[in-house]
Amino acid sequence: MSDFSNDPALLLNYALVGVLFLLGLFIWFFVNRSSVRASEQIHLLEQLLEEQKKQNRLLRQWVDEKQGKGSEVAEPAEEEDIIRLIPER
């Protein structure tokens, strides 16, 4: 304990380390928070993509039935589906 009373520069060093540690925690909090939000948005976009695929299939089926082609629905190939152009994470 006598080191604190004899050398004020040592106390300043400890204070600087403490401030830098708190600043690091503060920055980490916001980086982590934005990462979690981005992950949630990616998950919601994937769900939206699946819903759009279902709607496209139903729309194709409905258009084929209206044109009299019958009820047979051909599933599009994965590489032909334009929605798959969305870049993945």
PDB file of N, CA and C in Angstrom:
ATOM      1  N   MET A   1       0.799  -1.193   0.000  1.00  0.00           N
ATOM      2  CA  MET A   1       0.000   0.000   0.000  1.00  0.00           C
ATOM      3  C   MET A   1       0.840   1.254   0.000  1.00  0.00           C
ATOM      4  N   SER A   2       2.061   1.141   0.423  1.00  0.00           N
ATOM      5  CA  SER A   2       2.919   2.319   0.463  1.00  0.00           C
ATOM      6  C   SER A   2       3.317   2.765  -0.940  1.00  0.00           C
ATOM      7  N   ASP A   3       3.151   1.862  -1.935  1.00  0.00           N
ATOM      8  CA  ASP A   3       3.476   2.241  -3.309  1.00  0.00           C
ATOM      9  C   ASP A   3       2.546   3.339  -3.804  1.00  0.00           C
ATOM     10  N   PHE A   4       1.282   3.290  -3.409  1.00  0.00           N
ATOM     11  CA  PHE A   4       0.328   4.309  -3.839  1.00  0.00           C
ATOM     12  C   PHE A   4       0.680   5.676  -3.260  1.00  0.00           C
ATOM     13  N   SER A   5       1.077   5.686  -2.020  1.00  0.00           N
ATOM     14  CA  SER A   5       1.380   6.974  -1.387  1.00  0.00           C
ATOM     15  C   SER A   5       2.707   7.548  -1.854  1.00  0.00           C
ATOM     16  N   ASN A   6       3.618   6.703  -2.270  1.00  0.00           N
ATOM     17  CA  ASN A   6       4.938   7.182  -2.676  1.00  0.00           C
ATOM     18  C   ASN A   6       5.006   7.574  -4.145  1.00  0.00           C
ATOM     19  N   ASP A   7       4.178   6.931  -5.003  1.00  0.00           N
ATOM     20  CA  ASP A   7       4.295   7.180  -6.440  1.00  0.00           C
ATOM     21  C   ASP A   7       2.918   7.471  -7.049  1.00  0.00           C
ATOM     22  N   PRO A   8       2.575   8.738  -7.259  1.00  0.00           N
ATOM     23  CA  PRO A   8       1.272   9.055  -7.858  1.00  0.00           C
ATOM     24  C   PRO A   8       1.170   8.616  -9.320  1.00  0.00           C
ATOM     25  N   ALA A   9       2.278   8.442  -9.997  1.00  0.00           N
ATOM     26  CA  ALA A   9       2.247   7.997 -11.395  1.00  0.00           C
ATOM     27  C   ALA A   9       1.716   6.571 -11.489  1.00  0.00           C
ATOM     28  N   LEU A  10       1.976   5.754 -10.483  1.00  0.00           N
ATOM     29  CA  LEU A  10       1.475   4.379 -10.478  1.00  0.00           C
ATOM     30  C   LEU A  10      -0.050   4.369 -10.383  1.00  0.00           C
ATOM     31  N   LEU A  11      -0.588   5.248  -9.550  1.00  0.00           N
ATOM     32  CA  LEU A  11      -2.050   5.361  -9.436  1.00  0.00           C
ATOM     33  C   LEU A  11      -2.657   5.829 -10.752  1.00  0.00           C
ATOM     34  N   LEU A  12      -1.959   6.741 -11.426  1.00  0.00           N
ATOM     35  CA  LEU A  12      -2.427   7.218 -12.724  1.00  0.00           C
ATOM     36  C   LEU A  12      -2.422   6.086 -13.746  1.00  0.00           C
ATOM     37  N   ASN A  13      -1.420   5.224 -13.691  1.00  0.00           N
ATOM     38  CA  ASN A  13      -1.361   4.070 -14.606  1.00  0.00           C
ATOM     39  C   ASN A  13      -2.532   3.122 -14.361  1.00  0.00           C
ATOM     40  N   TYR A  14      -2.829   2.864 -13.088  1.00  0.00           N
ATOM     41  CA  TYR A  14      -3.971   1.996 -12.770  1.00  0.00           C
ATOM     42  C   TYR A  14      -5.287   2.617 -13.234  1.00  0.00           C
ATOM     43  N   ALA A  15      -5.412   3.916 -13.066  1.00  0.00           N
ATOM     44  CA  ALA A  15      -6.625   4.603 -13.515  1.00  0.00           C
ATOM     45  C   ALA A  15      -6.746   4.525 -15.034  1.00  0.00           C
ATOM     46  N   LEU A  16      -5.646   4.699 -15.748  1.00  0.00           N
ATOM     47  CA  LEU A  16      -5.655   4.625 -17.208  1.00  0.00           C
ATOM     48  C   LEU A  16      -6.043   3.227 -17.683  1.00  0.00           C
ATOM     49  N   VAL A  17      -5.503   2.208 -17.043  1.00  0.00           N
ATOM     50  CA  VAL A  17      -5.858   0.825 -17.391  1.00  0.00           C
ATOM     51  C   VAL A  17      -7.344   0.585 -17.140  1.00  0.00           C
ATOM     52  N   GLY A  18      -7.858   1.089 -16.033  1.00  0.00           N
ATOM     53  CA  GLY A  18      -9.277   0.929 -15.721  1.00  0.00           C
ATOM     54  C   GLY A  18     -10.169   1.626 -16.735  1.00  0.00           C
ATOM     55  N   VAL A  19      -9.797   2.832 -17.126  1.00  0.00           N
ATOM     56  CA  VAL A  19     -10.579   3.573 -18.123  1.00  0.00           C
ATOM     57  C   VAL A  19     -10.539   2.857 -19.467  1.00  0.00           C
ATOM     58  N   LEU A  20      -9.371   2.379 -19.864  1.00  0.00           N
ATOM     59  CA  LEU A  20      -9.271   1.650 -21.136  1.00  0.00           C
ATOM     60  C   LEU A  20     -10.078   0.353 -21.105  1.00  0.00           C
ATOM     61  N   PHE A  21     -10.088  -0.313 -19.965  1.00  0.00           N
ATOM     62  CA  PHE A  21     -10.881  -1.535 -19.825  1.00  0.00           C
ATOM     63  C   PHE A  21     -12.378  -1.221 -19.960  1.00  0.00           C
ATOM     64  N   LEU A  22     -12.839  -0.166 -19.308  1.00  0.00           N
ATOM     65  CA  LEU A  22     -14.251   0.219 -19.410  1.00  0.00           C
ATOM     66  C   LEU A  22     -14.598   0.649 -20.834  1.00  0.00           C
ATOM     67  N   LEU A  23     -13.693   1.353 -21.498  1.00  0.00           N
ATOM     68  CA  LEU A  23     -13.920   1.748 -22.887  1.00  0.00           C
ATOM     69  C   LEU A  23     -14.004   0.514 -23.791  1.00  0.00           C
ATOM     70  N   GLY A  24     -13.151  -0.471 -23.540  1.00  0.00           N
ATOM     71  CA  GLY A  24     -13.200  -1.710 -24.312  1.00  0.00           C
ATOM     72  C   GLY A  24     -14.513  -2.455 -24.113  1.00  0.00           C
ATOM     73  N   LEU A  25     -14.985  -2.494 -22.864  1.00  0.00           N
ATOM     74  CA  LEU A  25     -16.284  -3.130 -22.600  1.00  0.00           C
ATOM     75  C   LEU A  25     -17.416  -2.396 -23.302  1.00  0.00           C
ATOM     76  N   PHE A  26     -17.352  -1.080 -23.293  1.00  0.00           N
ATOM     77  CA  PHE A  26     -18.374  -0.264 -23.947  1.00  0.00           C
ATOM     78  C   PHE A  26     -18.405  -0.537 -25.446  1.00  0.00           C
ATOM     79  N   ILE A  27     -17.247  -0.565 -26.078  1.00  0.00           N
ATOM     80  CA  ILE A  27     -17.169  -0.840 -27.521  1.00  0.00           C
ATOM     81  C   ILE A  27     -17.629  -2.262 -27.812  1.00  0.00           C
ATOM     82  N   TRP A  28     -17.204  -3.229 -26.990  1.00  0.00           N
ATOM     83  CA  TRP A  28     -17.606  -4.617 -27.193  1.00  0.00           C
ATOM     84  C   TRP A  28     -19.129  -4.767 -27.111  1.00  0.00           C
ATOM     85  N   PHE A  29     -19.754  -4.040 -26.184  1.00  0.00           N
ATOM     86  CA  PHE A  29     -21.203  -4.116 -26.033  1.00  0.00           C
ATOM     87  C   PHE A  29     -21.905  -3.730 -27.326  1.00  0.00           C
ATOM     88  N   PHE A  30     -21.508  -2.619 -27.928  1.00  0.00           N
ATOM     89  CA  PHE A  30     -22.187  -2.167 -29.141  1.00  0.00           C
ATOM     90  C   PHE A  30     -21.857  -3.034 -30.347  1.00  0.00           C
ATOM     91  N   VAL A  31     -20.652  -3.548 -30.436  1.00  0.00           N
ATOM     92  CA  VAL A  31     -20.309  -4.455 -31.540  1.00  0.00           C
ATOM     93  C   VAL A  31     -21.104  -5.755 -31.410  1.00  0.00           C
ATOM     94  N   ASN A  32     -21.182  -6.286 -30.202  1.00  0.00           N
ATOM     95  CA  ASN A  32     -21.934  -7.516 -29.966  1.00  0.00           C
ATOM     96  C   ASN A  32     -23.418  -7.300 -30.242  1.00  0.00           C
ATOM     97  N   ARG A  33     -23.939  -6.174 -29.822  1.00  0.00           N
ATOM     98  CA  ARG A  33     -25.357  -5.858 -30.034  1.00  0.00           C
ATOM     99  C   ARG A  33     -25.676  -5.772 -31.520  1.00  0.00           C
ATOM    100  N   SER A  34     -24.815  -5.123 -32.297  1.00  0.00           N
ATOM    101  CA  SER A  34     -25.065  -5.024 -33.736  1.00  0.00           C
ATOM    102  C   SER A  34     -24.940  -6.389 -34.405  1.00  0.00           C
ATOM    103  N   SER A  35     -24.060  -7.240 -33.912  1.00  0.00           N
ATOM    104  CA  SER A  35     -23.914  -8.578 -34.469  1.00  0.00           C
ATOM    105  C   SER A  35     -25.170  -9.410 -34.227  1.00  0.00           C
ATOM    106  N   VAL A  36     -25.737  -9.296 -33.037  1.00  0.00           N
ATOM    107  CA  VAL A  36     -26.956 -10.039 -32.719  1.00  0.00           C
ATOM    108  C   VAL A  36     -28.110  -9.538 -33.577  1.00  0.00           C
ATOM    109  N   ARG A  37     -28.198  -8.239 -33.753  1.00  0.00           N
ATOM    110  CA  ARG A  37     -29.268  -7.693 -34.599  1.00  0.00           C
ATOM    111  C   ARG A  37     -29.117  -8.152 -36.045  1.00  0.00           C
ATOM    112  N   ALA A  38     -27.893  -8.186 -36.535  1.00  0.00           N
ATOM    113  CA  ALA A  38     -27.660  -8.634 -37.905  1.00  0.00           C
ATOM    114  C   ALA A  38     -28.048 -10.100 -38.055  1.00  0.00           C
ATOM    115  N   SER A  39     -27.744 -10.921 -37.064  1.00  0.00           N
ATOM    116  CA  SER A  39     -28.123 -12.335 -37.117  1.00  0.00           C
ATOM    117  C   SER A  39     -29.641 -12.496 -37.125  1.00  0.00           C
ATOM    118  N   GLU A  40     -30.334 -11.693 -36.337  1.00  0.00           N
ATOM    119  CA  GLU A  40     -31.798 -11.753 -36.316  1.00  0.00           C
ATOM    120  C   GLU A  40     -32.372 -11.334 -37.658  1.00  0.00           C
ATOM    121  N   GLN A  41     -31.789 -10.302 -38.264  1.00  0.00           N
ATOM    122  CA  GLN A  41     -32.275  -9.845 -39.561  1.00  0.00           C
ATOM    123  C   GLN A  41     -32.035 -10.900 -40.634  1.00  0.00           C
ATOM    124  N   ILE A  42     -30.901 -11.576 -40.586  1.00  0.00           N
ATOM    125  CA  ILE A  42     -30.623 -12.638 -41.553  1.00  0.00           C
ATOM    126  C   ILE A  42     -31.634 -13.765 -41.399  1.00  0.00           C
ATOM    127  N   HIS A  43     -31.942 -14.123 -40.160  1.00  0.00           N
ATOM    128  CA  HIS A  43     -32.928 -15.174 -39.907  1.00  0.00           C
ATOM    129  C   HIS A  43     -34.300 -14.764 -40.446  1.00  0.00           C
ATOM    130  N   LEU A  44     -34.705 -13.529 -40.223  1.00  0.00           N
ATOM    131  CA  LEU A  44     -35.989 -13.056 -40.732  1.00  0.00           C
ATOM    132  C   LEU A  44     -36.000 -13.012 -42.258  1.00  0.00           C
ATOM    133  N   LEU A  45     -34.889 -12.640 -42.865  1.00  0.00           N
ATOM    134  CA  LEU A  45     -34.827 -12.624 -44.324  1.00  0.00           C
ATOM    135  C   LEU A  45     -34.907 -14.031 -44.904  1.00  0.00           C
ATOM    136  N   GLU A  46     -34.310 -14.999 -44.226  1.00  0.00           N
ATOM    137  CA  GLU A  46     -34.413 -16.384 -44.692  1.00  0.00           C
ATOM    138  C   GLU A  46     -35.851 -16.878 -44.605  1.00  0.00           C
ATOM    139  N   GLN A  47     -36.554 -16.512 -43.530  1.00  0.00           N
ATOM    140  CA  GLN A  47     -37.964 -16.892 -43.408  1.00  0.00           C
ATOM    141  C   GLN A  47     -38.791 -16.227 -44.501  1.00  0.00           C
ATOM    142  N   LEU A  48     -38.500 -14.972 -44.785  1.00  0.00           N
ATOM    143  CA  LEU A  48     -39.210 -14.248 -45.836  1.00  0.00           C
ATOM    144  C   LEU A  48     -38.960 -14.900 -47.193  1.00  0.00           C
ATOM    145  N   LEU A  49     -37.741 -15.349 -47.424  1.00  0.00           N
ATOM    146  CA  LEU A  49     -37.402 -16.025 -48.673  1.00  0.00           C
ATOM    147  C   LEU A  49     -38.218 -17.302 -48.840  1.00  0.00           C
ATOM    148  N   GLU A  50     -38.338 -18.089 -47.771  1.00  0.00           N
ATOM    149  CA  GLU A  50     -39.138 -19.318 -47.844  1.00  0.00           C
ATOM    150  C   GLU A  50     -40.605 -19.006 -48.124  1.00  0.00           C
ATOM    151  N   GLU A  51     -41.133 -17.968 -47.491  1.00  0.00           N
ATOM    152  CA  GLU A  51     -42.529 -17.581 -47.739  1.00  0.00           C
ATOM    153  C   GLU A  51     -42.722 -17.128 -49.184  1.00  0.00           C
ATOM    154  N   GLN A  52     -41.763 -16.395 -49.723  1.00  0.00           N
ATOM    155  CA  GLN A  52     -41.866 -15.958 -51.105  1.00  0.00           C
ATOM    156  C   GLN A  52     -41.825 -17.145 -52.072  1.00  0.00           C
ATOM    157  N   LYS A  53     -41.004 -18.134 -51.750  1.00  0.00           N
ATOM    158  CA  LYS A  53     -40.962 -19.335 -52.595  1.00  0.00           C
ATOM    159  C   LYS A  53     -42.311 -20.046 -52.594  1.00  0.00           C
ATOM    160  N   LYS A  54     -42.924 -20.164 -51.398  1.00  0.00           N
ATOM    161  CA  LYS A  54     -44.238 -20.798 -51.309  1.00  0.00           C
ATOM    162  C   LYS A  54     -45.267 -20.015 -52.121  1.00  0.00           C
ATOM    163  N   GLN A  55     -45.233 -18.696 -52.013  1.00  0.00           N
ATOM    164  CA  GLN A  55     -46.183 -17.870 -52.751  1.00  0.00           C
ATOM    165  C   GLN A  55     -45.955 -17.988 -54.253  1.00  0.00           C
ATOM    166  N   ASN A  56     -44.702 -18.057 -54.675  1.00  0.00           N
ATOM    167  CA  ASN A  56     -44.407 -18.211 -56.104  1.00  0.00           C
ATOM    168  C   ASN A  56     -44.931 -19.543 -56.635  1.00  0.00           C
ATOM    169  N   ARG A  57     -44.758 -20.605 -55.831  1.00  0.00           N
ATOM    170  CA  ARG A  57     -45.273 -21.913 -56.254  1.00  0.00           C
ATOM    171  C   ARG A  57     -46.798 -21.880 -56.387  1.00  0.00           C
ATOM    172  N   LEU A  58     -47.464 -21.294 -55.403  1.00  0.00           N
ATOM    173  CA  LEU A  58     -48.922 -21.202 -55.463  1.00  0.00           C
ATOM    174  C   LEU A  58     -49.377 -20.342 -56.640  1.00  0.00           C
ATOM    175  N   LEU A  59     -48.676 -19.263 -56.906  1.00  0.00           N
ATOM    176  CA  LEU A  59     -49.034 -18.391 -58.024  1.00  0.00           C
ATOM    177  C   LEU A  59     -48.842 -19.116 -59.355  1.00  0.00           C
ATOM    178  N   ARG A  60     -47.742 -19.847 -59.485  1.00  0.00           N
ATOM    179  CA  ARG A  60     -47.530 -20.614 -60.726  1.00  0.00           C
ATOM    180  C   ARG A  60     -48.631 -21.664 -60.917  1.00  0.00           C
ATOM    181  N   GLN A  61     -48.998 -22.322 -59.828  1.00  0.00           N
ATOM    182  CA  GLN A  61     -50.049 -23.324 -59.895  1.00  0.00           C
ATOM    183  C   GLN A  61     -51.374 -22.677 -60.291  1.00  0.00           C
ATOM    184  N   TRP A  62     -51.662 -21.535 -59.719  1.00  0.00           N
ATOM    185  CA  TRP A  62     -52.916 -20.846 -60.014  1.00  0.00           C
ATOM    186  C   TRP A  62     -52.949 -20.384 -61.469  1.00  0.00           C
ATOM    187  N   VAL A  63     -51.818 -19.856 -61.970  1.00  0.00           N
ATOM    188  CA  VAL A  63     -51.756 -19.400 -63.360  1.00  0.00           C
ATOM    189  C   VAL A  63     -51.893 -20.586 -64.304  1.00  0.00           C
ATOM    190  N   ASP A  64     -51.257 -21.704 -64.001  1.00  0.00           N
ATOM    191  CA  ASP A  64     -51.377 -22.891 -64.848  1.00  0.00           C
ATOM    192  C   ASP A  64     -52.812 -23.395 -64.889  1.00  0.00           C
ATOM    193  N   GLU A  65     -53.501 -23.368 -63.758  1.00  0.00           N
ATOM    194  CA  GLU A  65     -54.898 -23.804 -63.716  1.00  0.00           C
ATOM    195  C   GLU A  65     -55.786 -22.851 -64.511  1.00  0.00           C
ATOM    196  N   LYS A  66     -55.509 -21.566 -64.447  1.00  0.00           N
ATOM    197  CA  LYS A  66     -56.304 -20.589 -65.206  1.00  0.00           C
ATOM    198  C   LYS A  66     -56.076 -20.716 -66.698  1.00  0.00           C
ATOM    199  N   GLN A  67     -54.867 -21.104 -67.094  1.00  0.00           N
ATOM    200  CA  GLN A  67     -54.566 -21.260 -68.511  1.00  0.00           C
ATOM    201  C   GLN A  67     -54.986 -22.622 -69.029  1.00  0.00           C
ATOM    202  N   GLY A  68     -55.439 -23.499 -68.139  1.00  0.00           N
ATOM    203  CA  GLY A  68     -55.925 -24.800 -68.551  1.00  0.00           C
ATOM    204  C   GLY A  68     -54.838 -25.830 -68.760  1.00  0.00           C
ATOM    205  N   LYS A  69     -53.707 -25.627 -68.199  1.00  0.00           N
ATOM    206  CA  LYS A  69     -52.621 -26.590 -68.360  1.00  0.00           C
ATOM    207  C   LYS A  69     -52.758 -27.769 -67.424  1.00  0.00           C
ATOM    208  N   GLY A  70     -53.665 -27.707 -66.506  1.00  0.00           N
ATOM    209  CA  GLY A  70     -53.831 -28.813 -65.567  1.00  0.00           C
ATOM    210  C   GLY A  70     -53.249 -28.447 -64.219  1.00  0.00           C
ATOM    211  N   SER A  71     -53.279 -29.442 -63.360  1.00  0.00           N
ATOM    212  CA  SER A  71     -52.824 -29.179 -61.992  1.00  0.00           C
ATOM    213  C   SER A  71     -51.403 -29.658 -61.727  1.00  0.00           C
ATOM    214  N   GLU A  72     -50.711 -30.081 -62.767  1.00  0.00           N
ATOM    215  CA  GLU A  72     -49.349 -30.541 -62.546  1.00  0.00           C
ATOM    216  C   GLU A  72     -48.422 -29.322 -62.421  1.00  0.00           C
ATOM    217  N   VAL A  73     -47.678 -29.321 -61.349  1.00  0.00           N
ATOM    218  CA  VAL A  73     -46.788 -28.194 -61.072  1.00  0.00           C
ATOM    219  C   VAL A  73     -45.360 -28.706 -61.080  1.00  0.00           C
ATOM    220  N   ALA A  74     -44.574 -28.150 -61.951  1.00  0.00           N
ATOM    221  CA  ALA A  74     -43.163 -28.532 -62.019  1.00  0.00           C
ATOM    222  C   ALA A  74     -42.378 -27.626 -61.085  1.00  0.00           C
ATOM    223  N   GLU A  75     -41.619 -28.244 -60.219  1.00  0.00           N
ATOM    224  CA  GLU A  75     -40.797 -27.464 -59.300  1.00  0.00           C
ATOM    225  C   GLU A  75     -39.603 -26.899 -60.077  1.00  0.00           C
ATOM    226  N   PRO A  76     -39.338 -25.619 -59.943  1.00  0.00           N
ATOM    227  CA  PRO A  76     -38.188 -25.052 -60.667  1.00  0.00           C
ATOM    228  C   PRO A  76     -36.883 -25.536 -60.048  1.00  0.00           C
ATOM    229  N   ALA A  77     -35.898 -25.646 -60.908  1.00  0.00           N
ATOM    230  CA  ALA A  77     -34.574 -26.051 -60.422  1.00  0.00           C
ATOM    231  C   ALA A  77     -34.020 -24.958 -59.532  1.00  0.00           C
ATOM    232  N   GLU A  78     -33.222 -25.343 -58.577  1.00  0.00           N
ATOM    233  CA  GLU A  78     -32.690 -24.385 -57.598  1.00  0.00           C
ATOM    234  C   GLU A  78     -31.855 -23.296 -58.272  1.00  0.00           C
ATOM    235  N   GLU A  79     -31.084 -23.670 -59.294  1.00  0.00           N
ATOM    236  CA  GLU A  79     -30.249 -22.674 -59.943  1.00  0.00           C
ATOM    237  C   GLU A  79     -31.054 -21.754 -60.857  1.00  0.00           C
ATOM    238  N   GLU A  80     -32.266 -22.141 -61.240  1.00  0.00           N
ATOM    239  CA  GLU A  80     -33.095 -21.302 -62.090  1.00  0.00           C
ATOM    240  C   GLU A  80     -33.934 -20.322 -61.287  1.00  0.00           C
ATOM    241  N   ASP A  81     -34.031 -20.518 -60.002  1.00  0.00           N
ATOM    242  CA  ASP A  81     -34.854 -19.662 -59.165  1.00  0.00           C
ATOM    243  C   ASP A  81     -34.132 -18.340 -58.932  1.00  0.00           C
ATOM    244  N   ILE A  82     -34.713 -17.267 -59.423  1.00  0.00           N
ATOM    245  CA  ILE A  82     -34.042 -15.968 -59.357  1.00  0.00           C
ATOM    246  C   ILE A  82     -33.913 -15.466 -57.929  1.00  0.00           C
ATOM    247  N   ILE A  83     -34.748 -15.929 -57.036  1.00  0.00           N
ATOM    248  CA  ILE A  83     -34.688 -15.474 -55.649  1.00  0.00           C
ATOM    249  C   ILE A  83     -33.405 -15.950 -54.984  1.00  0.00           C
ATOM    250  N   ARG A  84     -32.828 -17.019 -55.455  1.00  0.00           N
ATOM    251  CA  ARG A  84     -31.596 -17.546 -54.837  1.00  0.00           C
ATOM    252  C   ARG A  84     -30.388 -16.661 -55.129  1.00  0.00           C
ATOM    253  N   LEU A  85     -30.580 -15.574 -55.872  1.00  0.00           N
ATOM    254  CA  LEU A  85     -29.473 -14.675 -56.140  1.00  0.00           C
ATOM    255  C   LEU A  85     -29.108 -13.840 -54.932  1.00  0.00           C
ATOM    256  N   ILE A  86     -29.903 -13.914 -53.862  1.00  0.00           N
ATOM    257  CA  ILE A  86     -29.599 -13.180 -52.647  1.00  0.00           C
ATOM    258  C   ILE A  86     -28.331 -13.777 -52.047  1.00  0.00           C
ATOM    259  N   PRO A  87     -27.324 -12.961 -51.790  1.00  0.00           N
ATOM    260  CA  PRO A  87     -26.071 -13.516 -51.255  1.00  0.00           C
ATOM    261  C   PRO A  87     -26.266 -14.072 -49.864  1.00  0.00           C
ATOM    262  N   GLU A  88     -25.601 -15.168 -49.607  1.00  0.00           N
ATOM    263  CA  GLU A  88     -25.691 -15.810 -48.294  1.00  0.00           C
ATOM    264  C   GLU A  88     -24.628 -15.242 -47.392  1.00  0.00           C
ATOM    265  N   ARG A  89     -24.821 -15.451 -46.119  1.00  0.00           N
ATOM    266  CA  ARG A  89     -23.895 -14.923 -45.124  1.00  0.00           C
ATOM    267  C   ARG A  89     -22.569 -15.627 -45.173  1.00  0.00           C
TER     268      ARG A  89
END
